[in-house]
Protein backbone atom coordinates (compact mmCIF):
# COMPACT_ATOMS: atom_id res chain seq x y z
CA UNK A 1 158.86 101.02 190.85
CA UNK A 2 157.07 99.49 187.79
CA UNK A 3 157.70 95.88 188.75
CA UNK A 4 156.39 96.63 192.21
CA UNK A 5 153.00 97.85 190.54
CA UNK A 6 152.71 94.82 189.08
CA UNK A 7 153.46 92.46 191.59
CA UNK A 8 151.05 93.92 193.60
CA UNK A 9 148.39 94.02 190.77
CA UNK A 10 149.26 90.00 190.43
CA UNK A 11 148.84 89.54 194.19
CA UNK A 12 145.71 91.30 194.26
CA UNK A 13 144.36 89.47 191.38
CA UNK A 14 145.49 85.83 192.52
CA UNK A 15 144.14 86.77 196.06
CA UNK A 16 141.02 87.52 194.41
CA UNK A 17 140.95 84.51 192.24
CA UNK A 18 141.33 82.40 195.01
CA UNK A 19 138.50 83.68 197.17
CA UNK A 20 136.48 84.05 194.23
CA UNK A 21 136.98 80.00 193.48
CA UNK A 22 136.82 79.01 197.18
CA UNK A 23 133.43 81.24 197.79
CA UNK A 24 131.63 79.55 194.90
CA UNK A 25 133.03 75.94 195.60
CA UNK A 26 131.35 76.55 199.15
CA UNK A 27 128.46 78.08 197.86
CA UNK A 28 127.74 75.20 195.52
CA UNK A 29 128.44 72.66 198.14
CA UNK A 30 125.97 73.71 200.62
CA UNK A 31 123.52 74.19 197.87
CA UNK A 32 121.26 71.49 198.96
CA UNK A 33 121.57 72.02 202.70
CA UNK A 34 121.25 75.88 203.10
CA UNK A 35 118.54 77.38 201.29
CA UNK A 36 117.32 80.80 203.00
CA UNK A 37 115.05 83.55 202.46
CA UNK A 38 117.51 85.33 200.37
CA UNK A 39 118.29 82.44 197.87
CA UNK A 40 114.82 80.46 197.74
CA UNK A 41 115.50 76.97 196.30
CA UNK A 42 112.24 77.28 194.02
CA UNK A 43 114.54 80.24 191.99
CA UNK A 44 117.88 79.03 192.49
CA UNK A 45 117.60 75.82 191.60
CA UNK A 46 118.90 76.15 188.38
CA UNK A 47 122.47 75.95 187.70
CA UNK A 48 122.74 78.72 184.95
CA UNK A 49 120.56 81.02 187.25
CA UNK A 50 122.80 80.32 190.14
CA UNK A 51 125.78 80.95 188.33
CA UNK A 52 124.55 84.31 187.43
CA UNK A 53 123.77 85.00 190.68
CA UNK A 54 126.99 84.28 191.81
CA UNK A 55 128.85 86.29 189.22
CA UNK A 56 126.63 88.95 190.15
CA UNK A 57 127.18 89.06 194.26
CA UNK A 58 130.90 88.47 193.36
CA UNK A 59 131.19 91.54 191.26
CA UNK A 60 129.33 93.72 193.88
CA UNK A 61 131.73 92.33 196.58
CA UNK A 62 134.70 92.77 194.34
CA UNK A 63 133.72 96.69 193.76
CA UNK A 64 132.83 97.51 197.45
CA UNK A 65 136.00 95.88 198.46
CA UNK A 66 138.05 98.20 196.37
CA UNK A 67 135.98 101.16 197.23
CA UNK A 68 136.25 100.33 200.86
CA UNK A 69 140.11 99.61 200.35
CA UNK A 70 140.53 103.15 198.70
CA UNK A 71 138.79 104.94 201.58
CA UNK A 72 141.03 103.30 203.77
CA UNK A 73 144.02 104.20 201.80
CA UNK A 74 142.76 108.23 201.70
CA UNK A 75 142.04 108.11 205.48
CA UNK A 76 145.50 107.07 206.44
């Protein structure tokens, strides 16, 4: 049972890391052509500020995803 738990955690970690890398790559790849009201170019044109915002956003998304998954598991 312990091996299975470790495998599940490893799969979740690898999936999240791949998603995070792809998401950040897409965000950075479209930064010049897709400014919006949420991320104004005048504020987020600094790479350090953008990196901090990306980390903050992904942390929130991860926690929200865990909460959603937990609720779905409880409902079953």
